[in-house]
mmCIF file of all heavy atoms, coordinates in Angstrom:
data_MODEL
# 
_entry.id   MODEL 
# 
loop_
_atom_site.group_PDB 
_atom_site.id 
_atom_site.type_symbol 
_atom_site.label_atom_id 
_atom_site.label_alt_id 
_atom_site.label_comp_id 
_atom_site.label_asym_id 
_atom_site.label_entity_id 
_atom_site.label_seq_id 
_atom_site.pdbx_PDB_ins_code 
_atom_site.Cartn_x 
_atom_site.Cartn_y 
_atom_site.Cartn_z 
_atom_site.occupancy 
_atom_site.B_iso_or_equiv 
_atom_site.pdbx_formal_charge 
_atom_site.auth_seq_id 
_atom_site.auth_comp_id 
_atom_site.auth_asym_id 
_atom_site.auth_atom_id 
_atom_site.pdbx_PDB_model_num 
ATOM 1   N N   . LEU A 1 1  ? 94.143  35.767 141.449 1.00 0.00 ? 1  LEU A N   1 
ATOM 2   C CA  . LEU A 1 1  ? 94.503  37.149 141.751 1.00 0.00 ? 1  LEU A CA  1 
ATOM 3   C C   . LEU A 1 1  ? 95.965  37.232 142.205 1.00 0.00 ? 1  LEU A C   1 
ATOM 4   O O   . LEU A 1 1  ? 96.719  38.106 141.766 1.00 0.00 ? 1  LEU A O   1 
ATOM 5   C CB  . LEU A 1 1  ? 93.585  37.733 142.832 1.00 0.00 ? 1  LEU A CB  1 
ATOM 6   C CG  . LEU A 1 1  ? 93.897  39.163 143.259 1.00 0.00 ? 1  LEU A CG  1 
ATOM 7   C CD1 . LEU A 1 1  ? 93.779  40.123 142.084 1.00 0.00 ? 1  LEU A CD1 1 
ATOM 8   C CD2 . LEU A 1 1  ? 92.979  39.581 144.388 1.00 0.00 ? 1  LEU A CD2 1 
ATOM 9   N N   . ILE A 1 2  ? 96.404  36.326 143.040 1.00 0.00 ? 2  ILE A N   1 
ATOM 10  C CA  . ILE A 1 2  ? 97.792  36.294 143.501 1.00 0.00 ? 2  ILE A CA  1 
ATOM 11  C C   . ILE A 1 2  ? 98.729  36.052 142.323 1.00 0.00 ? 2  ILE A C   1 
ATOM 12  O O   . ILE A 1 2  ? 99.757  36.714 142.175 1.00 0.00 ? 2  ILE A O   1 
ATOM 13  C CB  . ILE A 1 2  ? 97.994  35.229 144.597 1.00 0.00 ? 2  ILE A CB  1 
ATOM 14  C CG1 . ILE A 1 2  ? 97.248  35.657 145.859 1.00 0.00 ? 2  ILE A CG1 1 
ATOM 15  C CG2 . ILE A 1 2  ? 99.472  35.001 144.876 1.00 0.00 ? 2  ILE A CG2 1 
ATOM 16  C CD1 . ILE A 1 2  ? 97.154  34.576 146.922 1.00 0.00 ? 2  ILE A CD1 1 
ATOM 17  N N   . ARG A 1 3  ? 98.380  35.122 141.453 1.00 0.00 ? 3  ARG A N   1 
ATOM 18  C CA  . ARG A 1 3  ? 99.203  34.825 140.275 1.00 0.00 ? 3  ARG A CA  1 
ATOM 19  C C   . ARG A 1 3  ? 99.309  36.052 139.370 1.00 0.00 ? 3  ARG A C   1 
ATOM 20  O O   . ARG A 1 3  ? 100.393 36.402 138.891 1.00 0.00 ? 3  ARG A O   1 
ATOM 21  C CB  . ARG A 1 3  ? 98.618  33.650 139.503 1.00 0.00 ? 3  ARG A CB  1 
ATOM 22  C CG  . ARG A 1 3  ? 99.452  33.220 138.301 1.00 0.00 ? 3  ARG A CG  1 
ATOM 23  C CD  . ARG A 1 3  ? 98.795  32.102 137.511 1.00 0.00 ? 3  ARG A CD  1 
ATOM 24  N NE  . ARG A 1 3  ? 97.407  32.352 137.158 1.00 0.00 ? 3  ARG A NE  1 
ATOM 25  C CZ  . ARG A 1 3  ? 97.014  33.176 136.180 1.00 0.00 ? 3  ARG A CZ  1 
ATOM 26  N NH1 . ARG A 1 3  ? 97.890  33.835 135.466 1.00 0.00 ? 3  ARG A NH1 1 
ATOM 27  N NH2 . ARG A 1 3  ? 95.729  33.348 135.920 1.00 0.00 ? 3  ARG A NH2 1 
ATOM 28  N N   . ILE A 1 4  ? 98.192  36.740 139.165 1.00 0.00 ? 4  ILE A N   1 
ATOM 29  C CA  . ILE A 1 4  ? 98.187  37.937 138.311 1.00 0.00 ? 4  ILE A CA  1 
ATOM 30  C C   . ILE A 1 4  ? 99.021  39.051 138.943 1.00 0.00 ? 4  ILE A C   1 
ATOM 31  O O   . ILE A 1 4  ? 99.781  39.735 138.257 1.00 0.00 ? 4  ILE A O   1 
ATOM 32  C CB  . ILE A 1 4  ? 96.734  38.397 138.039 1.00 0.00 ? 4  ILE A CB  1 
ATOM 33  C CG1 . ILE A 1 4  ? 96.042  37.385 137.128 1.00 0.00 ? 4  ILE A CG1 1 
ATOM 34  C CG2 . ILE A 1 4  ? 96.708  39.792 137.424 1.00 0.00 ? 4  ILE A CG2 1 
ATOM 35  C CD1 . ILE A 1 4  ? 94.548  37.575 137.015 1.00 0.00 ? 4  ILE A CD1 1 
ATOM 36  N N   . GLN A 1 5  ? 98.902  39.227 140.257 1.00 0.00 ? 5  GLN A N   1 
ATOM 37  C CA  . GLN A 1 5  ? 99.703  40.247 140.942 1.00 0.00 ? 5  GLN A CA  1 
ATOM 38  C C   . GLN A 1 5  ? 101.200 39.926 140.827 1.00 0.00 ? 5  GLN A C   1 
ATOM 39  O O   . GLN A 1 5  ? 102.010 40.822 140.583 1.00 0.00 ? 5  GLN A O   1 
ATOM 40  C CB  . GLN A 1 5  ? 99.304  40.353 142.412 1.00 0.00 ? 5  GLN A CB  1 
ATOM 41  C CG  . GLN A 1 5  ? 97.966  41.030 142.620 1.00 0.00 ? 5  GLN A CG  1 
ATOM 42  C CD  . GLN A 1 5  ? 97.537  41.007 144.082 1.00 0.00 ? 5  GLN A CD  1 
ATOM 43  O OE1 . GLN A 1 5  ? 97.922  40.120 144.844 1.00 0.00 ? 5  GLN A OE1 1 
ATOM 44  N NE2 . GLN A 1 5  ? 96.732  41.980 144.461 1.00 0.00 ? 5  GLN A NE2 1 
ATOM 45  N N   . ASP A 1 6  ? 101.559 38.668 141.013 1.00 0.00 ? 6  ASP A N   1 
ATOM 46  C CA  . ASP A 1 6  ? 102.958 38.265 140.882 1.00 0.00 ? 6  ASP A CA  1 
ATOM 47  C C   . ASP A 1 6  ? 103.466 38.512 139.462 1.00 0.00 ? 6  ASP A C   1 
ATOM 48  O O   . ASP A 1 6  ? 104.594 38.971 139.262 1.00 0.00 ? 6  ASP A O   1 
ATOM 49  C CB  . ASP A 1 6  ? 103.148 36.793 141.262 1.00 0.00 ? 6  ASP A CB  1 
ATOM 50  C CG  . ASP A 1 6  ? 103.018 36.552 142.760 1.00 0.00 ? 6  ASP A CG  1 
ATOM 51  O OD1 . ASP A 1 6  ? 103.040 37.529 143.533 1.00 0.00 ? 6  ASP A OD1 1 
ATOM 52  O OD2 . ASP A 1 6  ? 102.883 35.370 143.146 1.00 0.00 ? 6  ASP A OD2 1 
ATOM 53  N N   . GLU A 1 7  ? 102.641 38.208 138.484 1.00 0.00 ? 7  GLU A N   1 
ATOM 54  C CA  . GLU A 1 7  ? 103.004 38.435 137.084 1.00 0.00 ? 7  GLU A CA  1 
ATOM 55  C C   . GLU A 1 7  ? 103.231 39.925 136.833 1.00 0.00 ? 7  GLU A C   1 
ATOM 56  O O   . GLU A 1 7  ? 104.209 40.323 136.197 1.00 0.00 ? 7  GLU A O   1 
ATOM 57  C CB  . GLU A 1 7  ? 101.912 37.892 136.162 1.00 0.00 ? 7  GLU A CB  1 
ATOM 58  C CG  . GLU A 1 7  ? 102.058 38.251 134.707 1.00 0.00 ? 7  GLU A CG  1 
ATOM 59  C CD  . GLU A 1 7  ? 103.204 37.541 133.995 1.00 0.00 ? 7  GLU A CD  1 
ATOM 60  O OE1 . GLU A 1 7  ? 103.774 36.586 134.541 1.00 0.00 ? 7  GLU A OE1 1 
ATOM 61  O OE2 . GLU A 1 7  ? 103.541 37.980 132.882 1.00 0.00 ? 7  GLU A OE2 1 
ATOM 62  N N   . MET A 1 8  ? 102.338 40.772 137.343 1.00 0.00 ? 8  MET A N   1 
ATOM 63  C CA  . MET A 1 8  ? 102.483 42.212 137.143 1.00 0.00 ? 8  MET A CA  1 
ATOM 64  C C   . MET A 1 8  ? 103.746 42.732 137.830 1.00 0.00 ? 8  MET A C   1 
ATOM 65  O O   . MET A 1 8  ? 104.485 43.540 137.257 1.00 0.00 ? 8  MET A O   1 
ATOM 66  C CB  . MET A 1 8  ? 101.270 42.964 137.661 1.00 0.00 ? 8  MET A CB  1 
ATOM 67  C CG  . MET A 1 8  ? 101.325 44.439 137.379 1.00 0.00 ? 8  MET A CG  1 
ATOM 68  S SD  . MET A 1 8  ? 99.818  45.225 137.937 1.00 0.00 ? 8  MET A SD  1 
ATOM 69  C CE  . MET A 1 8  ? 100.185 46.902 137.540 1.00 0.00 ? 8  MET A CE  1 
ATOM 70  N N   . LYS A 1 9  ? 104.043 42.270 139.032 1.00 0.00 ? 9  LYS A N   1 
ATOM 71  C CA  . LYS A 1 9  ? 105.254 42.701 139.743 1.00 0.00 ? 9  LYS A CA  1 
ATOM 72  C C   . LYS A 1 9  ? 106.510 42.338 138.957 1.00 0.00 ? 9  LYS A C   1 
ATOM 73  O O   . LYS A 1 9  ? 107.489 43.080 138.972 1.00 0.00 ? 9  LYS A O   1 
ATOM 74  C CB  . LYS A 1 9  ? 105.309 42.074 141.138 1.00 0.00 ? 9  LYS A CB  1 
ATOM 75  C CG  . LYS A 1 9  ? 104.368 42.719 142.117 1.00 0.00 ? 9  LYS A CG  1 
ATOM 76  C CD  . LYS A 1 9  ? 104.454 42.035 143.474 1.00 0.00 ? 9  LYS A CD  1 
ATOM 77  C CE  . LYS A 1 9  ? 103.397 42.577 144.406 1.00 0.00 ? 9  LYS A CE  1 
ATOM 78  N NZ  . LYS A 1 9  ? 103.389 41.860 145.689 1.00 0.00 ? 9  LYS A NZ  1 
ATOM 79  N N   . ALA A 1 10 ? 106.492 41.216 138.273 1.00 0.00 ? 10 ALA A N   1 
ATOM 80  C CA  . ALA A 1 10 ? 107.655 40.792 137.486 1.00 0.00 ? 10 ALA A CA  1 
ATOM 81  C C   . ALA A 1 10 ? 107.929 41.739 136.322 1.00 0.00 ? 10 ALA A C   1 
ATOM 82  O O   . ALA A 1 10 ? 109.032 41.772 135.791 1.00 0.00 ? 10 ALA A O   1 
ATOM 83  C CB  . ALA A 1 10 ? 107.445 39.369 136.964 1.00 0.00 ? 10 ALA A CB  1 
ATOM 84  N N   . HIS A 1 11 ? 106.930 42.523 135.932 1.00 0.00 ? 11 HIS A N   1 
ATOM 85  C CA  . HIS A 1 11 ? 107.076 43.448 134.806 1.00 0.00 ? 11 HIS A CA  1 
ATOM 86  C C   . HIS A 1 11 ? 107.116 44.905 135.255 1.00 0.00 ? 11 HIS A C   1 
ATOM 87  O O   . HIS A 1 11 ? 106.977 45.811 134.436 1.00 0.00 ? 11 HIS A O   1 
ATOM 88  C CB  . HIS A 1 11 ? 105.929 43.246 133.812 1.00 0.00 ? 11 HIS A CB  1 
ATOM 89  C CG  . HIS A 1 11 ? 105.979 41.916 133.141 1.00 0.00 ? 11 HIS A CG  1 
ATOM 90  N ND1 . HIS A 1 11 ? 106.835 41.653 132.090 1.00 0.00 ? 11 HIS A ND1 1 
ATOM 91  C CD2 . HIS A 1 11 ? 105.322 40.767 133.384 1.00 0.00 ? 11 HIS A CD2 1 
ATOM 92  C CE1 . HIS A 1 11 ? 106.680 40.392 131.713 1.00 0.00 ? 11 HIS A CE1 1 
ATOM 93  N NE2 . HIS A 1 11 ? 105.773 39.836 132.481 1.00 0.00 ? 11 HIS A NE2 1 
ATOM 94  N N   . THR A 1 12 ? 107.303 45.158 136.527 1.00 0.00 ? 12 THR A N   1 
ATOM 95  C CA  . THR A 1 12 ? 107.322 46.513 137.054 1.00 0.00 ? 12 THR A CA  1 
ATOM 96  C C   . THR A 1 12 ? 108.756 47.035 137.127 1.00 0.00 ? 12 THR A C   1 
ATOM 97  O O   . THR A 1 12 ? 109.641 46.350 137.620 1.00 0.00 ? 12 THR A O   1 
ATOM 98  C CB  . THR A 1 12 ? 106.678 46.545 138.461 1.00 0.00 ? 12 THR A CB  1 
ATOM 99  O OG1 . THR A 1 12 ? 105.333 46.074 138.350 1.00 0.00 ? 12 THR A OG1 1 
ATOM 100 C CG2 . THR A 1 12 ? 106.680 47.944 139.033 1.00 0.00 ? 12 THR A CG2 1 
ATOM 101 N N   . ARG A 1 13 ? 108.966 48.229 136.614 1.00 0.00 ? 13 ARG A N   1 
ATOM 102 C CA  . ARG A 1 13 ? 110.269 48.889 136.663 1.00 0.00 ? 13 ARG A CA  1 
ATOM 103 C C   . ARG A 1 13 ? 110.053 50.291 137.207 1.00 0.00 ? 13 ARG A C   1 
ATOM 104 O O   . ARG A 1 13 ? 109.040 50.928 136.935 1.00 0.00 ? 13 ARG A O   1 
ATOM 105 C CB  . ARG A 1 13 ? 110.908 49.014 135.271 1.00 0.00 ? 13 ARG A CB  1 
ATOM 106 C CG  . ARG A 1 13 ? 111.212 47.704 134.611 1.00 0.00 ? 13 ARG A CG  1 
ATOM 107 C CD  . ARG A 1 13 ? 112.343 46.968 135.336 1.00 0.00 ? 13 ARG A CD  1 
ATOM 108 N NE  . ARG A 1 13 ? 112.610 45.687 134.764 1.00 0.00 ? 13 ARG A NE  1 
ATOM 109 C CZ  . ARG A 1 13 ? 111.940 44.568 135.047 1.00 0.00 ? 13 ARG A CZ  1 
ATOM 110 N NH1 . ARG A 1 13 ? 110.957 44.577 135.887 1.00 0.00 ? 13 ARG A NH1 1 
ATOM 111 N NH2 . ARG A 1 13 ? 112.267 43.426 134.478 1.00 0.00 ? 13 ARG A NH2 1 
ATOM 112 N N   . GLU A 1 14 ? 111.064 50.792 137.907 1.00 0.00 ? 14 GLU A N   1 
ATOM 113 C CA  . GLU A 1 14 ? 111.013 52.163 138.412 1.00 0.00 ? 14 GLU A CA  1 
ATOM 114 C C   . GLU A 1 14 ? 111.783 53.054 137.454 1.00 0.00 ? 14 GLU A C   1 
ATOM 115 O O   . GLU A 1 14 ? 112.933 52.775 137.114 1.00 0.00 ? 14 GLU A O   1 
ATOM 116 C CB  . GLU A 1 14 ? 111.645 52.221 139.797 1.00 0.00 ? 14 GLU A CB  1 
ATOM 117 C CG  . GLU A 1 14 ? 111.605 53.607 140.399 1.00 0.00 ? 14 GLU A CG  1 
ATOM 118 C CD  . GLU A 1 14 ? 112.201 53.639 141.785 1.00 0.00 ? 14 GLU A CD  1 
ATOM 119 O OE1 . GLU A 1 14 ? 111.691 52.911 142.656 1.00 0.00 ? 14 GLU A OE1 1 
ATOM 120 O OE2 . GLU A 1 14 ? 113.181 54.372 141.976 1.00 0.00 ? 14 GLU A OE2 1 
ATOM 121 N N   . PHE A 1 15 ? 111.147 54.132 137.022 1.00 0.00 ? 15 PHE A N   1 
ATOM 122 C CA  . PHE A 1 15 ? 111.780 55.116 136.156 1.00 0.00 ? 15 PHE A CA  1 
ATOM 123 C C   . PHE A 1 15 ? 111.942 56.415 136.918 1.00 0.00 ? 15 PHE A C   1 
ATOM 124 O O   . PHE A 1 15 ? 111.046 56.823 137.650 1.00 0.00 ? 15 PHE A O   1 
ATOM 125 C CB  . PHE A 1 15 ? 110.919 55.394 134.911 1.00 0.00 ? 15 PHE A CB  1 
ATOM 126 C CG  . PHE A 1 15 ? 110.999 54.332 133.877 1.00 0.00 ? 15 PHE A CG  1 
ATOM 127 C CD1 . PHE A 1 15 ? 110.148 53.242 133.916 1.00 0.00 ? 15 PHE A CD1 1 
ATOM 128 C CD2 . PHE A 1 15 ? 111.924 54.411 132.850 1.00 0.00 ? 15 PHE A CD2 1 
ATOM 129 C CE1 . PHE A 1 15 ? 110.217 52.250 132.963 1.00 0.00 ? 15 PHE A CE1 1 
ATOM 130 C CE2 . PHE A 1 15 ? 112.003 53.417 131.889 1.00 0.00 ? 15 PHE A CE2 1 
ATOM 131 C CZ  . PHE A 1 15 ? 111.153 52.338 131.945 1.00 0.00 ? 15 PHE A CZ  1 
ATOM 132 N N   . ALA A 1 16 ? 113.075 57.065 136.736 1.00 0.00 ? 16 ALA A N   1 
ATOM 133 C CA  . ALA A 1 16 ? 113.293 58.390 137.286 1.00 0.00 ? 16 ALA A CA  1 
ATOM 134 C C   . ALA A 1 16 ? 113.305 59.359 136.113 1.00 0.00 ? 16 ALA A C   1 
ATOM 135 O O   . ALA A 1 16 ? 114.109 59.210 135.188 1.00 0.00 ? 16 ALA A O   1 
ATOM 136 C CB  . ALA A 1 16 ? 114.619 58.447 138.038 1.00 0.00 ? 16 ALA A CB  1 
ATOM 137 N N   . LEU A 1 17 ? 112.400 60.294 136.115 1.00 0.00 ? 17 LEU A N   1 
ATOM 138 C CA  . LEU A 1 17 ? 112.322 61.313 135.071 1.00 0.00 ? 17 LEU A CA  1 
ATOM 139 C C   . LEU A 1 17 ? 112.800 62.623 135.689 1.00 0.00 ? 17 LEU A C   1 
ATOM 140 O O   . LEU A 1 17 ? 112.142 63.170 136.566 1.00 0.00 ? 17 LEU A O   1 
ATOM 141 C CB  . LEU A 1 17 ? 110.882 61.443 134.557 1.00 0.00 ? 17 LEU A CB  1 
ATOM 142 C CG  . LEU A 1 17 ? 110.266 60.155 134.022 1.00 0.00 ? 17 LEU A CG  1 
ATOM 143 C CD1 . LEU A 1 17 ? 108.809 60.364 133.671 1.00 0.00 ? 17 LEU A CD1 1 
ATOM 144 C CD2 . LEU A 1 17 ? 111.042 59.646 132.835 1.00 0.00 ? 17 LEU A CD2 1 
ATOM 145 N N   . TRP A 1 18 ? 113.943 63.116 135.235 1.00 0.00 ? 18 TRP A N   1 
ATOM 146 C CA  . TRP A 1 18 ? 114.574 64.265 135.868 1.00 0.00 ? 18 TRP A CA  1 
ATOM 147 C C   . TRP A 1 18 ? 114.870 65.336 134.822 1.00 0.00 ? 18 TRP A C   1 
ATOM 148 O O   . TRP A 1 18 ? 115.938 65.356 134.211 1.00 0.00 ? 18 TRP A O   1 
ATOM 149 C CB  . TRP A 1 18 ? 115.855 63.794 136.536 1.00 0.00 ? 18 TRP A CB  1 
ATOM 150 C CG  . TRP A 1 18 ? 116.429 64.702 137.561 1.00 0.00 ? 18 TRP A CG  1 
ATOM 151 C CD1 . TRP A 1 18 ? 115.970 65.931 137.957 1.00 0.00 ? 18 TRP A CD1 1 
ATOM 152 C CD2 . TRP A 1 18 ? 117.607 64.456 138.314 1.00 0.00 ? 18 TRP A CD2 1 
ATOM 153 N NE1 . TRP A 1 18 ? 116.787 66.449 138.925 1.00 0.00 ? 18 TRP A NE1 1 
ATOM 154 C CE2 . TRP A 1 18 ? 117.803 65.563 139.167 1.00 0.00 ? 18 TRP A CE2 1 
ATOM 155 C CE3 . TRP A 1 18 ? 118.518 63.408 138.358 1.00 0.00 ? 18 TRP A CE3 1 
ATOM 156 C CZ2 . TRP A 1 18 ? 118.864 65.650 140.046 1.00 0.00 ? 18 TRP A CZ2 1 
ATOM 157 C CZ3 . TRP A 1 18 ? 119.574 63.495 139.238 1.00 0.00 ? 18 TRP A CZ3 1 
ATOM 158 C CH2 . TRP A 1 18 ? 119.740 64.600 140.073 1.00 0.00 ? 18 TRP A CH2 1 
ATOM 159 N N   . PRO A 1 19 ? 113.941 66.273 134.604 1.00 0.00 ? 19 PRO A N   1 
ATOM 160 C CA  . PRO A 1 19 ? 114.121 67.319 133.585 1.00 0.00 ? 19 PRO A CA  1 
ATOM 161 C C   . PRO A 1 19 ? 115.419 68.114 133.723 1.00 0.00 ? 19 PRO A C   1 
ATOM 162 O O   . PRO A 1 19 ? 115.991 68.520 132.720 1.00 0.00 ? 19 PRO A O   1 
ATOM 163 C CB  . PRO A 1 19 ? 112.891 68.218 133.767 1.00 0.00 ? 19 PRO A CB  1 
ATOM 164 C CG  . PRO A 1 19 ? 111.845 67.269 134.292 1.00 0.00 ? 19 PRO A CG  1 
ATOM 165 C CD  . PRO A 1 19 ? 112.602 66.340 135.212 1.00 0.00 ? 19 PRO A CD  1 
ATOM 166 N N   . LEU A 1 20 ? 115.912 68.331 134.940 1.00 0.00 ? 20 LEU A N   1 
ATOM 167 C CA  . LEU A 1 20 ? 117.172 69.049 135.122 1.00 0.00 ? 20 LEU A CA  1 
ATOM 168 C C   . LEU A 1 20 ? 118.296 68.371 134.344 1.00 0.00 ? 20 LEU A C   1 
ATOM 169 O O   . LEU A 1 20 ? 119.093 69.033 133.673 1.00 0.00 ? 20 LEU A O   1 
ATOM 170 C CB  . LEU A 1 20 ? 117.542 69.128 136.606 1.00 0.00 ? 20 LEU A CB  1 
ATOM 171 C CG  . LEU A 1 20 ? 118.919 69.737 136.906 1.00 0.00 ? 20 LEU A CG  1 
ATOM 172 C CD1 . LEU A 1 20 ? 118.941 71.220 136.532 1.00 0.00 ? 20 LEU A CD1 1 
ATOM 173 C CD2 . LEU A 1 20 ? 119.293 69.527 138.361 1.00 0.00 ? 20 LEU A CD2 1 
ATOM 174 N N   . LYS A 1 21 ? 118.363 67.039 134.390 1.00 0.00 ? 21 LYS A N   1 
ATOM 175 C CA  . LYS A 1 21 ? 119.415 66.305 133.674 1.00 0.00 ? 21 LYS A CA  1 
ATOM 176 C C   . LYS A 1 21 ? 119.187 66.328 132.168 1.00 0.00 ? 21 LYS A C   1 
ATOM 177 O O   . LYS A 1 21 ? 120.139 66.298 131.393 1.00 0.00 ? 21 LYS A O   1 
ATOM 178 C CB  . LYS A 1 21 ? 119.524 64.865 134.196 1.00 0.00 ? 21 LYS A CB  1 
ATOM 179 C CG  . LYS A 1 21 ? 120.032 64.798 135.623 1.00 0.00 ? 21 LYS A CG  1 
ATOM 180 C CD  . LYS A 1 21 ? 121.416 65.428 135.714 1.00 0.00 ? 21 LYS A CD  1 
ATOM 181 C CE  . LYS A 1 21 ? 121.938 65.472 137.124 1.00 0.00 ? 21 LYS A CE  1 
ATOM 182 N NZ  . LYS A 1 21 ? 123.196 66.192 137.220 1.00 0.00 ? 21 LYS A NZ  1 
ATOM 183 N N   . TRP A 1 22 ? 117.938 66.390 131.748 1.00 0.00 ? 22 TRP A N   1 
ATOM 184 C CA  . TRP A 1 22 ? 117.661 66.506 130.318 1.00 0.00 ? 22 TRP A CA  1 
ATOM 185 C C   . TRP A 1 22 ? 118.196 67.849 129.806 1.00 0.00 ? 22 TRP A C   1 
ATOM 186 O O   . TRP A 1 22 ? 118.789 67.933 128.741 1.00 0.00 ? 22 TRP A O   1 
ATOM 187 C CB  . TRP A 1 22 ? 116.174 66.433 130.024 1.00 0.00 ? 22 TRP A CB  1 
ATOM 188 C CG  . TRP A 1 22 ? 115.479 65.197 130.503 1.00 0.00 ? 22 TRP A CG  1 
ATOM 189 C CD1 . TRP A 1 22 ? 116.054 63.994 130.836 1.00 0.00 ? 22 TRP A CD1 1 
ATOM 190 C CD2 . TRP A 1 22 ? 114.092 65.045 130.725 1.00 0.00 ? 22 TRP A CD2 1 
ATOM 191 N NE1 . TRP A 1 22 ? 115.092 63.105 131.247 1.00 0.00 ? 22 TRP A NE1 1 
ATOM 192 C CE2 . TRP A 1 22 ? 113.869 63.720 131.188 1.00 0.00 ? 22 TRP A CE2 1 
ATOM 193 C CE3 . TRP A 1 22 ? 113.001 65.885 130.589 1.00 0.00 ? 22 TRP A CE3 1 
ATOM 194 C CZ2 . TRP A 1 22 ? 112.611 63.221 131.494 1.00 0.00 ? 22 TRP A CZ2 1 
ATOM 195 C CZ3 . TRP A 1 22 ? 111.736 65.397 130.890 1.00 0.00 ? 22 TRP A CZ3 1 
ATOM 196 C CH2 . TRP A 1 22 ? 111.550 64.080 131.333 1.00 0.00 ? 22 TRP A CH2 1 
ATOM 197 N N   . GLN A 1 23 ? 117.951 68.900 130.592 1.00 0.00 ? 23 GLN A N   1 
ATOM 198 C CA  . GLN A 1 23 ? 118.376 70.244 130.193 1.00 0.00 ? 23 GLN A CA  1 
ATOM 199 C C   . GLN A 1 23 ? 119.901 70.381 130.217 1.00 0.00 ? 23 GLN A C   1 
ATOM 200 O O   . GLN A 1 23 ? 120.466 71.140 129.438 1.00 0.00 ? 23 GLN A O   1 
ATOM 201 C CB  . GLN A 1 23 ? 117.738 71.281 131.114 1.00 0.00 ? 23 GLN A CB  1 
ATOM 202 C CG  . GLN A 1 23 ? 116.245 71.354 130.975 1.00 0.00 ? 23 GLN A CG  1 
ATOM 203 C CD  . GLN A 1 23 ? 115.575 72.021 132.171 1.00 0.00 ? 23 GLN A CD  1 
ATOM 204 O OE1 . GLN A 1 23 ? 116.227 72.474 133.098 1.00 0.00 ? 23 GLN A OE1 1 
ATOM 205 N NE2 . GLN A 1 23 ? 114.249 72.064 132.139 1.00 0.00 ? 23 GLN A NE2 1 
ATOM 206 N N   . GLN A 1 24 ? 120.566 69.651 131.092 1.00 0.00 ? 24 GLN A N   1 
ATOM 207 C CA  . GLN A 1 24 ? 122.026 69.723 131.196 1.00 0.00 ? 24 GLN A CA  1 
ATOM 208 C C   . GLN A 1 24 ? 122.745 68.896 130.130 1.00 0.00 ? 24 GLN A C   1 
ATOM 209 O O   . GLN A 1 24 ? 123.939 69.078 129.919 1.00 0.00 ? 24 GLN A O   1 
ATOM 210 C CB  . GLN A 1 24 ? 122.480 69.262 132.589 1.00 0.00 ? 24 GLN A CB  1 
ATOM 211 C CG  . GLN A 1 24 ? 122.089 70.217 133.682 1.00 0.00 ? 24 GLN A CG  1 
ATOM 212 C CD  . GLN A 1 24 ? 122.420 69.689 135.066 1.00 0.00 ? 24 GLN A CD  1 
ATOM 213 O OE1 . GLN A 1 24 ? 122.725 68.514 135.253 1.00 0.00 ? 24 GLN A OE1 1 
ATOM 214 N NE2 . GLN A 1 24 ? 122.341 70.565 136.053 1.00 0.00 ? 24 GLN A NE2 1 
ATOM 215 N N   . TYR A 1 25 ? 122.026 68.018 129.476 1.00 0.00 ? 25 TYR A N   1 
ATOM 216 C CA  . TYR A 1 25 ? 122.643 67.175 128.444 1.00 0.00 ? 25 TYR A CA  1 
ATOM 217 C C   . TYR A 1 25 ? 123.136 68.053 127.297 1.00 0.00 ? 25 TYR A C   1 
ATOM 218 O O   . TYR A 1 25 ? 122.417 68.917 126.797 1.00 0.00 ? 25 TYR A O   1 
ATOM 219 C CB  . TYR A 1 25 ? 121.638 66.139 127.930 1.00 0.00 ? 25 TYR A CB  1 
ATOM 220 C CG  . TYR A 1 25 ? 122.194 65.296 126.810 1.00 0.00 ? 25 TYR A CG  1 
ATOM 221 C CD1 . TYR A 1 25 ? 123.080 64.266 127.069 1.00 0.00 ? 25 TYR A CD1 1 
ATOM 222 C CD2 . TYR A 1 25 ? 121.866 65.566 125.490 1.00 0.00 ? 25 TYR A CD2 1 
ATOM 223 C CE1 . TYR A 1 25 ? 123.617 63.506 126.043 1.00 0.00 ? 25 TYR A CE1 1 
ATOM 224 C CE2 . TYR A 1 25 ? 122.398 64.809 124.456 1.00 0.00 ? 25 TYR A CE2 1 
ATOM 225 C CZ  . TYR A 1 25 ? 123.269 63.781 124.743 1.00 0.00 ? 25 TYR A CZ  1 
ATOM 226 O OH  . TYR A 1 25 ? 123.803 63.034 123.735 1.00 0.00 ? 25 TYR A OH  1 
ATOM 227 N N   . VAL A 1 26 ? 124.366 67.832 126.883 1.00 0.00 ? 26 VAL A N   1 
ATOM 228 C CA  . VAL A 1 26 ? 124.943 68.572 125.760 1.00 0.00 ? 26 VAL A CA  1 
ATOM 229 C C   . VAL A 1 26 ? 124.788 67.703 124.515 1.00 0.00 ? 26 VAL A C   1 
ATOM 230 O O   . VAL A 1 26 ? 125.418 66.652 124.402 1.00 0.00 ? 26 VAL A O   1 
ATOM 231 C CB  . VAL A 1 26 ? 126.434 68.890 126.007 1.00 0.00 ? 26 VAL A CB  1 
ATOM 232 C CG1 . VAL A 1 26 ? 127.033 69.604 124.804 1.00 0.00 ? 26 VAL A CG1 1 
ATOM 233 C CG2 . VAL A 1 26 ? 126.594 69.715 127.277 1.00 0.00 ? 26 VAL A CG2 1 
# 
């Protein structure tokens, strides 16, 4: 379980989804 958790953490990324910036894109 510890090995699997460590493996999953190695593949975790934080994404910021910000519609305001999508709308401002020209």
